[in-house]
Amino acid sequence: DKNKYEVIIINDFSEDETLNIIKECENKLSMHL
């Protein structure tokens, strides 16, 4: 159940495109992120 779990991404000072890719994916995801 999507309402019974959350996903927490903790960015440890990434120096590449990690954050931008996550933002691009975020709108396509139904889970709590």
PDB file of all heavy atoms in Angstrom:
ATOM      1  N   ASP A   1       0.842  -1.203   0.000  1.00  0.00           N
ATOM      2  CA  ASP A   1       0.000   0.000   0.000  1.00  0.00           C
ATOM      3  C   ASP A   1       0.878   1.254   0.000  1.00  0.00           C
ATOM      4  O   ASP A   1       1.699   1.451   0.895  1.00  0.00           O
ATOM      5  CB  ASP A   1      -0.893  -0.025   1.244  1.00  0.00           C
ATOM      6  CG  ASP A   1      -1.911   1.117   1.279  1.00  0.00           C
ATOM      7  OD1 ASP A   1      -1.744   2.087   0.518  1.00  0.00           O
ATOM      8  OD2 ASP A   1      -2.844   1.027   2.078  1.00  0.00           O
ATOM      9  N   LYS A   2       0.708   2.093  -1.011  1.00  0.00           N
ATOM     10  CA  LYS A   2       1.549   3.290  -1.142  1.00  0.00           C
ATOM     11  C   LYS A   2       1.411   4.229   0.049  1.00  0.00           C
ATOM     12  O   LYS A   2       2.298   5.031   0.330  1.00  0.00           O
ATOM     13  CB  LYS A   2       1.193   4.042  -2.429  1.00  0.00           C
ATOM     14  CG  LYS A   2       1.610   3.318  -3.715  1.00  0.00           C
ATOM     15  CD  LYS A   2       3.110   3.303  -3.864  1.00  0.00           C
ATOM     16  CE  LYS A   2       3.556   2.800  -5.231  1.00  0.00           C
ATOM     17  NZ  LYS A   2       3.264   1.377  -5.450  1.00  0.00           N
ATOM     18  N   ASN A   3       0.299   4.140   0.763  1.00  0.00           N
ATOM     19  CA  ASN A   3       0.096   4.987   1.933  1.00  0.00           C
ATOM     20  C   ASN A   3       0.752   4.418   3.186  1.00  0.00           C
ATOM     21  O   ASN A   3       0.706   5.052   4.248  1.00  0.00           O
ATOM     22  CB  ASN A   3      -1.403   5.172   2.198  1.00  0.00           C
ATOM     23  CG  ASN A   3      -2.076   5.978   1.110  1.00  0.00           C
ATOM     24  OD1 ASN A   3      -1.538   6.993   0.654  1.00  0.00           O
ATOM     25  ND2 ASN A   3      -3.255   5.542   0.678  1.00  0.00           N
ATOM     26  N   LYS A   4       1.362   3.239   3.067  1.00  0.00           N
ATOM     27  CA  LYS A   4       1.959   2.602   4.236  1.00  0.00           C
ATOM     28  C   LYS A   4       3.481   2.525   4.153  1.00  0.00           C
ATOM     29  O   LYS A   4       4.109   1.856   4.956  1.00  0.00           O
ATOM     30  CB  LYS A   4       1.376   1.202   4.430  1.00  0.00           C
ATOM     31  CG  LYS A   4      -0.130   1.213   4.665  1.00  0.00           C
ATOM     32  CD  LYS A   4      -0.650  -0.126   5.100  1.00  0.00           C
ATOM     33  CE  LYS A   4      -0.350  -0.420   6.546  1.00  0.00           C
ATOM     34  NZ  LYS A   4      -1.011  -1.634   7.045  1.00  0.00           N
ATOM     35  N   TYR A   5       4.062   3.225   3.153  1.00  0.00           N
ATOM     36  CA  TYR A   5       5.524   3.325   3.152  1.00  0.00           C
ATOM     37  C   TYR A   5       5.970   4.627   2.504  1.00  0.00           C
ATOM     38  O   TYR A   5       5.283   5.186   1.651  1.00  0.00           O
ATOM     39  CB  TYR A   5       6.170   2.112   2.478  1.00  0.00           C
ATOM     40  CG  TYR A   5       6.152   2.073   0.976  1.00  0.00           C
ATOM     41  CD1 TYR A   5       7.261   2.518   0.233  1.00  0.00           C
ATOM     42  CD2 TYR A   5       5.063   1.538   0.284  1.00  0.00           C
ATOM     43  CE1 TYR A   5       7.263   2.442  -1.153  1.00  0.00           C
ATOM     44  CE2 TYR A   5       5.067   1.457  -1.097  1.00  0.00           C
ATOM     45  CZ  TYR A   5       6.162   1.912  -1.814  1.00  0.00           C
ATOM     46  OH  TYR A   5       6.168   1.836  -3.191  1.00  0.00           O
ATOM     47  N   GLU A   6       7.090   5.100   2.977  1.00  0.00           N
ATOM     48  CA  GLU A   6       7.708   6.302   2.421  1.00  0.00           C
ATOM     49  C   GLU A   6       9.150   5.974   2.046  1.00  0.00           C
ATOM     50  O   GLU A   6       9.773   5.081   2.616  1.00  0.00           O
ATOM     51  CB  GLU A   6       7.684   7.443   3.449  1.00  0.00           C
ATOM     52  CG  GLU A   6       8.475   7.142   4.710  1.00  0.00           C
ATOM     53  CD  GLU A   6       8.558   8.320   5.674  1.00  0.00           C
ATOM     54  OE1 GLU A   6       8.188   9.443   5.293  1.00  0.00           O
ATOM     55  OE2 GLU A   6       9.008   8.104   6.825  1.00  0.00           O
ATOM     56  N   VAL A   7       9.670   6.697   1.073  1.00  0.00           N
ATOM     57  CA  VAL A   7      11.058   6.554   0.645  1.00  0.00           C
ATOM     58  C   VAL A   7      11.764   7.881   0.879  1.00  0.00           C
ATOM     59  O   VAL A   7      11.304   8.929   0.419  1.00  0.00           O
ATOM     60  CB  VAL A   7      11.153   6.152  -0.841  1.00  0.00           C
ATOM     61  CG1 VAL A   7      12.615   6.121  -1.292  1.00  0.00           C
ATOM     62  CG2 VAL A   7      10.490   4.797  -1.071  1.00  0.00           C
ATOM     63  N   ILE A   8      12.856   7.817   1.622  1.00  0.00           N
ATOM     64  CA  ILE A   8      13.610   9.026   1.967  1.00  0.00           C
ATOM     65  C   ILE A   8      14.979   8.946   1.309  1.00  0.00           C
ATOM     66  O   ILE A   8      15.775   8.068   1.628  1.00  0.00           O
ATOM     67  CB  ILE A   8      13.761   9.163   3.497  1.00  0.00           C
ATOM     68  CG1 ILE A   8      12.391   9.153   4.171  1.00  0.00           C
ATOM     69  CG2 ILE A   8      14.524  10.438   3.840  1.00  0.00           C
ATOM     70  CD1 ILE A   8      12.454   9.078   5.689  1.00  0.00           C
ATOM     71  N   ILE A   9      15.243   9.854   0.396  1.00  0.00           N
ATOM     72  CA  ILE A   9      16.539   9.943  -0.263  1.00  0.00           C
ATOM     73  C   ILE A   9      17.357  11.016   0.452  1.00  0.00           C
ATOM     74  O   ILE A   9      16.928  12.173   0.542  1.00  0.00           O
ATOM     75  CB  ILE A   9      16.398  10.318  -1.750  1.00  0.00           C
ATOM     76  CG1 ILE A   9      15.463   9.337  -2.480  1.00  0.00           C
ATOM     77  CG2 ILE A   9      17.770  10.391  -2.412  1.00  0.00           C
ATOM     78  CD1 ILE A   9      16.022   7.956  -2.632  1.00  0.00           C
ATOM     79  N   ILE A  10      18.509  10.646   0.974  1.00  0.00           N
ATOM     80  CA  ILE A  10      19.388  11.604   1.637  1.00  0.00           C
ATOM     81  C   ILE A  10      20.608  11.843   0.741  1.00  0.00           C
ATOM     82  O   ILE A  10      21.406  10.931   0.521  1.00  0.00           O
ATOM     83  CB  ILE A  10      19.848  11.112   3.022  1.00  0.00           C
ATOM     84  CG1 ILE A  10      18.633  10.750   3.880  1.00  0.00           C
ATOM     85  CG2 ILE A  10      20.687  12.187   3.706  1.00  0.00           C
ATOM     86  CD1 ILE A  10      17.736  11.910   4.221  1.00  0.00           C
ATOM     87  N   ASN A  11      20.712  13.045   0.227  1.00  0.00           N
ATOM     88  CA  ASN A  11      21.800  13.390  -0.683  1.00  0.00           C
ATOM     89  C   ASN A  11      23.036  13.829   0.105  1.00  0.00           C
ATOM     90  O   ASN A  11      23.026  14.832   0.801  1.00  0.00           O
ATOM     91  CB  ASN A  11      21.349  14.513  -1.623  1.00  0.00           C
ATOM     92  CG  ASN A  11      22.474  14.996  -2.509  1.00  0.00           C
ATOM     93  OD1 ASN A  11      23.271  14.203  -3.008  1.00  0.00           O
ATOM     94  ND2 ASN A  11      22.553  16.306  -2.693  1.00  0.00           N
ATOM     95  N   ASP A  12      24.094  13.063  -0.044  1.00  0.00           N
ATOM     96  CA  ASP A  12      25.354  13.334   0.656  1.00  0.00           C
ATOM     97  C   ASP A  12      26.305  14.114  -0.261  1.00  0.00           C
ATOM     98  O   ASP A  12      27.330  13.617  -0.699  1.00  0.00           O
ATOM     99  CB  ASP A  12      25.982  11.997   1.099  1.00  0.00           C
ATOM    100  CG  ASP A  12      27.283  12.174   1.876  1.00  0.00           C
ATOM    101  OD1 ASP A  12      27.567  13.302   2.320  1.00  0.00           O
ATOM    102  OD2 ASP A  12      28.018  11.179   2.007  1.00  0.00           O
ATOM    103  N   PHE A  13      25.907  15.340  -0.578  1.00  0.00           N
ATOM    104  CA  PHE A  13      26.734  16.263  -1.371  1.00  0.00           C
ATOM    105  C   PHE A  13      27.162  15.653  -2.716  1.00  0.00           C
ATOM    106  O   PHE A  13      28.345  15.652  -3.063  1.00  0.00           O
ATOM    107  CB  PHE A  13      27.967  16.710  -0.567  1.00  0.00           C
ATOM    108  CG  PHE A  13      27.629  17.447   0.695  1.00  0.00           C
ATOM    109  CD1 PHE A  13      27.600  16.759   1.906  1.00  0.00           C
ATOM    110  CD2 PHE A  13      27.307  18.787   0.677  1.00  0.00           C
ATOM    111  CE1 PHE A  13      27.260  17.422   3.083  1.00  0.00           C
ATOM    112  CE2 PHE A  13      26.962  19.461   1.850  1.00  0.00           C
ATOM    113  CZ  PHE A  13      26.951  18.790   3.051  1.00  0.00           C
ATOM    114  N   SER A  14      26.188  15.142  -3.449  1.00  0.00           N
ATOM    115  CA  SER A  14      26.486  14.610  -4.778  1.00  0.00           C
ATOM    116  C   SER A  14      27.019  15.714  -5.683  1.00  0.00           C
ATOM    117  O   SER A  14      26.562  16.865  -5.634  1.00  0.00           O
ATOM    118  CB  SER A  14      25.224  14.007  -5.400  1.00  0.00           C
ATOM    119  OG  SER A  14      24.819  12.851  -4.706  1.00  0.00           O
ATOM    120  N   GLU A  15      27.973  15.344  -6.526  1.00  0.00           N
ATOM    121  CA  GLU A  15      28.614  16.305  -7.422  1.00  0.00           C
ATOM    122  C   GLU A  15      28.283  16.039  -8.886  1.00  0.00           C
ATOM    123  O   GLU A  15      28.891  16.624  -9.781  1.00  0.00           O
ATOM    124  CB  GLU A  15      30.133  16.252  -7.208  1.00  0.00           C
ATOM    125  CG  GLU A  15      30.543  16.616  -5.780  1.00  0.00           C
ATOM    126  CD  GLU A  15      31.990  16.261  -5.471  1.00  0.00           C
ATOM    127  OE1 GLU A  15      32.495  15.281  -6.067  1.00  0.00           O
ATOM    128  OE2 GLU A  15      32.603  16.952  -4.650  1.00  0.00           O
ATOM    129  N   ASP A  16      27.335  15.140  -9.124  1.00  0.00           N
ATOM    130  CA  ASP A  16      26.942  14.820 -10.498  1.00  0.00           C
ATOM    131  C   ASP A  16      25.463  15.169 -10.695  1.00  0.00           C
ATOM    132  O   ASP A  16      24.945  16.063 -10.050  1.00  0.00           O
ATOM    133  CB  ASP A  16      27.239  13.355 -10.801  1.00  0.00           C
ATOM    134  CG  ASP A  16      26.447  12.408  -9.896  1.00  0.00           C
ATOM    135  OD1 ASP A  16      25.670  12.908  -9.045  1.00  0.00           O
ATOM    136  OD2 ASP A  16      26.598  11.191 -10.041  1.00  0.00           O
ATOM    137  N   GLU A  17      24.790  14.464 -11.571  1.00  0.00           N
ATOM    138  CA  GLU A  17      23.399  14.773 -11.914  1.00  0.00           C
ATOM    139  C   GLU A  17      22.384  13.984 -11.078  1.00  0.00           C
ATOM    140  O   GLU A  17      21.210  13.913 -11.451  1.00  0.00           O
ATOM    141  CB  GLU A  17      23.180  14.485 -13.398  1.00  0.00           C
ATOM    142  CG  GLU A  17      23.942  15.412 -14.336  1.00  0.00           C
ATOM    143  CD  GLU A  17      23.551  16.868 -14.140  1.00  0.00           C
ATOM    144  OE1 GLU A  17      22.326  17.168 -14.170  1.00  0.00           O
ATOM    145  OE2 GLU A  17      24.453  17.700 -13.927  1.00  0.00           O
ATOM    146  N   THR A  18      22.815  13.402  -9.983  1.00  0.00           N
ATOM    147  CA  THR A  18      21.915  12.570  -9.179  1.00  0.00           C
ATOM    148  C   THR A  18      20.631  13.299  -8.807  1.00  0.00           C
ATOM    149  O   THR A  18      19.513  12.793  -9.024  1.00  0.00           O
ATOM    150  CB  THR A  18      22.623  12.092  -7.895  1.00  0.00           C
ATOM    151  OG1 THR A  18      23.751  11.299  -8.240  1.00  0.00           O
ATOM    152  CG2 THR A  18      21.679  11.262  -7.037  1.00  0.00           C
ATOM    153  N   LEU A  19      20.748  14.486  -8.253  1.00  0.00           N
ATOM    154  CA  LEU A  19      19.562  15.230  -7.804  1.00  0.00           C
ATOM    155  C   LEU A  19      18.648  15.604  -8.960  1.00  0.00           C
ATOM    156  O   LEU A  19      17.412  15.527  -8.841  1.00  0.00           O
ATOM    157  CB  LEU A  19      19.983  16.485  -7.044  1.00  0.00           C
ATOM    158  CG  LEU A  19      20.284  16.317  -5.548  1.00  0.00           C
ATOM    159  CD1 LEU A  19      20.667  17.653  -4.926  1.00  0.00           C
ATOM    160  CD2 LEU A  19      19.096  15.717  -4.808  1.00  0.00           C
ATOM    161  N   ASN A  20      19.217  16.015 -10.078  1.00  0.00           N
ATOM    162  CA  ASN A  20      18.402  16.388 -11.236  1.00  0.00           C
ATOM    163  C   ASN A  20      17.623  15.190 -11.770  1.00  0.00           C
ATOM    164  O   ASN A  20      16.458  15.314 -12.167  1.00  0.00           O
ATOM    165  CB  ASN A  20      19.285  16.966 -12.344  1.00  0.00           C
ATOM    166  CG  ASN A  20      19.852  18.332 -11.972  1.00  0.00           C
ATOM    167  OD1 ASN A  20      19.245  19.071 -11.205  1.00  0.00           O
ATOM    168  ND2 ASN A  20      21.010  18.671 -12.520  1.00  0.00           N
ATOM    169  N   ILE A  21      18.247  14.032 -11.769  1.00  0.00           N
ATOM    170  CA  ILE A  21      17.568  12.818 -12.236  1.00  0.00           C
ATOM    171  C   ILE A  21      16.419  12.463 -11.297  1.00  0.00           C
ATOM    172  O   ILE A  21      15.324  12.081 -11.746  1.00  0.00           O
ATOM    173  CB  ILE A  21      18.572  11.653 -12.345  1.00  0.00           C
ATOM    174  CG1 ILE A  21      19.586  11.939 -13.448  1.00  0.00           C
ATOM    175  CG2 ILE A  21      17.853  10.338 -12.616  1.00  0.00           C
ATOM    176  CD1 ILE A  21      20.719  10.946 -13.532  1.00  0.00           C
ATOM    177  N   ILE A  22      16.651  12.594  -9.987  1.00  0.00           N
ATOM    178  CA  ILE A  22      15.593  12.308  -9.017  1.00  0.00           C
ATOM    179  C   ILE A  22      14.405  13.245  -9.245  1.00  0.00           C
ATOM    180  O   ILE A  22      13.244  12.827  -9.222  1.00  0.00           O
ATOM    181  CB  ILE A  22      16.120  12.438  -7.573  1.00  0.00           C
ATOM    182  CG1 ILE A  22      17.160  11.351  -7.287  1.00  0.00           C
ATOM    183  CG2 ILE A  22      14.969  12.336  -6.576  1.00  0.00           C
ATOM    184  CD1 ILE A  22      17.842  11.496  -5.942  1.00  0.00           C
ATOM    185  N   LYS A  23      14.687  14.511  -9.480  1.00  0.00           N
ATOM    186  CA  LYS A  23      13.613  15.489  -9.718  1.00  0.00           C
ATOM    187  C   LYS A  23      12.836  15.164 -10.983  1.00  0.00           C
ATOM    188  O   LYS A  23      11.611  15.335 -11.036  1.00  0.00           O
ATOM    189  CB  LYS A  23      14.217  16.890  -9.802  1.00  0.00           C
ATOM    190  CG  LYS A  23      14.722  17.419  -8.469  1.00  0.00           C
ATOM    191  CD  LYS A  23      15.381  18.790  -8.610  1.00  0.00           C
ATOM    192  CE  LYS A  23      15.919  19.278  -7.261  1.00  0.00           C
ATOM    193  NZ  LYS A  23      16.609  20.590  -7.390  1.00  0.00           N
ATOM    194  N   GLU A  24      13.530  14.692 -12.006  1.00  0.00           N
ATOM    195  CA  GLU A  24      12.854  14.310 -13.249  1.00  0.00           C
ATOM    196  C   GLU A  24      11.939  13.107 -13.029  1.00  0.00           C
ATOM    197  O   GLU A  24      10.873  13.001 -13.644  1.00  0.00           O
ATOM    198  CB  GLU A  24      13.891  13.987 -14.325  1.00  0.00           C
ATOM    199  CG  GLU A  24      14.649  15.205 -14.837  1.00  0.00           C
ATOM    200  CD  GLU A  24      15.738  14.823 -15.825  1.00  0.00           C
ATOM    201  OE1 GLU A  24      15.832  13.616 -16.155  1.00  0.00           O
ATOM    202  OE2 GLU A  24      16.494  15.713 -16.262  1.00  0.00           O
ATOM    203  N   CYS A  25      12.367  12.193 -12.167  1.00  0.00           N
ATOM    204  CA  CYS A  25      11.588  10.981 -11.890  1.00  0.00           C
ATOM    205  C   CYS A  25      10.429  11.249 -10.937  1.00  0.00           C
ATOM    206  O   CYS A  25       9.416  10.519 -10.968  1.00  0.00           O
ATOM    207  CB  CYS A  25      12.483   9.899 -11.294  1.00  0.00           C
ATOM    208  SG  CYS A  25      13.793   9.285 -12.387  1.00  0.00           S
ATOM    209  N   GLU A  26      10.578  12.236 -10.098  1.00  0.00           N
ATOM    210  CA  GLU A  26       9.649  12.448  -8.983  1.00  0.00           C
ATOM    211  C   GLU A  26       8.204  12.575  -9.436  1.00  0.00           C
ATOM    212  O   GLU A  26       7.286  12.014  -8.816  1.00  0.00           O
ATOM    213  CB  GLU A  26      10.074  13.695  -8.198  1.00  0.00           C
ATOM    214  CG  GLU A  26       9.471  13.781  -6.813  1.00  0.00           C
ATOM    215  CD  GLU A  26      10.150  14.832  -5.962  1.00  0.00           C
ATOM    216  OE1 GLU A  26      11.066  15.526  -6.448  1.00  0.00           O
ATOM    217  OE2 GLU A  26       9.738  14.975  -4.785  1.00  0.00           O
ATOM    218  N   ASN A  27       7.957  13.299 -10.507  1.00  0.00           N
ATOM    219  CA  ASN A  27       6.586  13.511 -10.975  1.00  0.00           C
ATOM    220  C   ASN A  27       5.947  12.252 -11.541  1.00  0.00           C
ATOM    221  O   ASN A  27       4.719  12.183 -11.679  1.00  0.00           O
ATOM    222  CB  ASN A  27       6.562  14.620 -12.032  1.00  0.00           C
ATOM    223  CG  ASN A  27       6.947  15.972 -11.453  1.00  0.00           C
ATOM    224  OD1 ASN A  27       6.716  16.240 -10.277  1.00  0.00           O
ATOM    225  ND2 ASN A  27       7.537  16.832 -12.278  1.00  0.00           N
ATOM    226  N   LYS A  28       6.767  11.263 -11.871  1.00  0.00           N
ATOM    227  CA  LYS A  28       6.254  10.017 -12.436  1.00  0.00           C
ATOM    228  C   LYS A  28       5.971   8.972 -11.367  1.00  0.00           C
ATOM    229  O   LYS A  28       5.438   7.904 -11.676  1.00  0.00           O
ATOM    230  CB  LYS A  28       7.260   9.452 -13.437  1.00  0.00           C
ATOM    231  CG  LYS A  28       7.687  10.431 -14.527  1.00  0.00           C
ATOM    232  CD  LYS A  28       8.814   9.837 -15.363  1.00  0.00           C
ATOM    233  CE  LYS A  28       9.375  10.849 -16.343  1.00  0.00           C
ATOM    234  NZ  LYS A  28      10.529  10.299 -17.103  1.00  0.00           N
ATOM    235  N   LEU A  29       6.354   9.262 -10.111  1.00  0.00           N
ATOM    236  CA  LEU A  29       6.243   8.285  -9.034  1.00  0.00           C
ATOM    237  C   LEU A  29       4.997   8.519  -8.208  1.00  0.00           C
ATOM    238  O   LEU A  29       4.632   9.665  -7.917  1.00  0.00           O
ATOM    239  CB  LEU A  29       7.486   8.353  -8.139  1.00  0.00           C
ATOM    240  CG  LEU A  29       8.836   8.127  -8.824  1.00  0.00           C
ATOM    241  CD1 LEU A  29       9.976   8.396  -7.849  1.00  0.00           C
ATOM    242  CD2 LEU A  29       8.927   6.698  -9.373  1.00  0.00           C
ATOM    243  N   SER A  30       4.350   7.442  -7.798  1.00  0.00           N
ATOM    244  CA  SER A  30       3.163   7.553  -6.943  1.00  0.00           C
ATOM    245  C   SER A  30       3.484   7.298  -5.477  1.00  0.00           C
ATOM    246  O   SER A  30       2.662   7.571  -4.606  1.00  0.00           O
ATOM    247  CB  SER A  30       2.091   6.563  -7.416  1.00  0.00           C
ATOM    248  OG  SER A  30       2.574   5.236  -7.350  1.00  0.00           O
ATOM    249  N   MET A  31       4.663   6.767  -5.193  1.00  0.00           N
ATOM    250  CA  MET A  31       5.042   6.521  -3.798  1.00  0.00           C
ATOM    251  C   MET A  31       5.379   7.846  -3.108  1.00  0.00           C
ATOM    252  O   MET A  31       5.657   8.859  -3.759  1.00  0.00           O
ATOM    253  CB  MET A  31       6.246   5.578  -3.723  1.00  0.00           C
ATOM    254  CG  MET A  31       7.507   6.143  -4.340  1.00  0.00           C
ATOM    255  SD  MET A  31       8.855   4.923  -4.321  1.00  0.00           S
ATOM    256  CE  MET A  31      10.192   5.866  -5.057  1.00  0.00           C
ATOM    257  N   HIS A  32       5.342   7.814  -1.781  1.00  0.00           N
ATOM    258  CA  HIS A  32       5.681   9.004  -1.000  1.00  0.00           C
ATOM    259  C   HIS A  32       7.203   9.148  -0.956  1.00  0.00           C
ATOM    260  O   HIS A  32       7.892   8.318  -0.371  1.00  0.00           O
ATOM    261  CB  HIS A  32       5.115   8.889   0.415  1.00  0.00           C
ATOM    262  CG  HIS A  32       3.615   8.866   0.457  1.00  0.00           C
ATOM    263  ND1 HIS A  32       2.854   9.997   0.351  1.00  0.00           N
ATOM    264  CD2 HIS A  32       2.742   7.824   0.555  1.00  0.00           C
ATOM    265  CE1 HIS A  32       1.558   9.677   0.405  1.00  0.00           C
ATOM    266  NE2 HIS A  32       1.476   8.357   0.528  1.00  0.00           N
ATOM    267  N   LEU A  33       7.704  10.187  -1.576  1.00  0.00           N
ATOM    268  CA  LEU A  33       9.145  10.380  -1.707  1.00  0.00           C
ATOM    269  C   LEU A  33       9.575  11.690  -1.065  1.00  0.00           C
ATOM    270  O   LEU A  33       8.985  12.752  -1.330  1.00  0.00           O
ATOM    271  CB  LEU A  33       9.541  10.378  -3.183  1.00  0.00           C
ATOM    272  CG  LEU A  33      11.024  10.581  -3.501  1.00  0.00           C
ATOM    273  CD1 LEU A  33      11.859   9.405  -2.998  1.00  0.00           C
ATOM    274  CD2 LEU A  33      11.225  10.768  -5.009  1.00  0.00           C
TER     275      LEU A  33
END
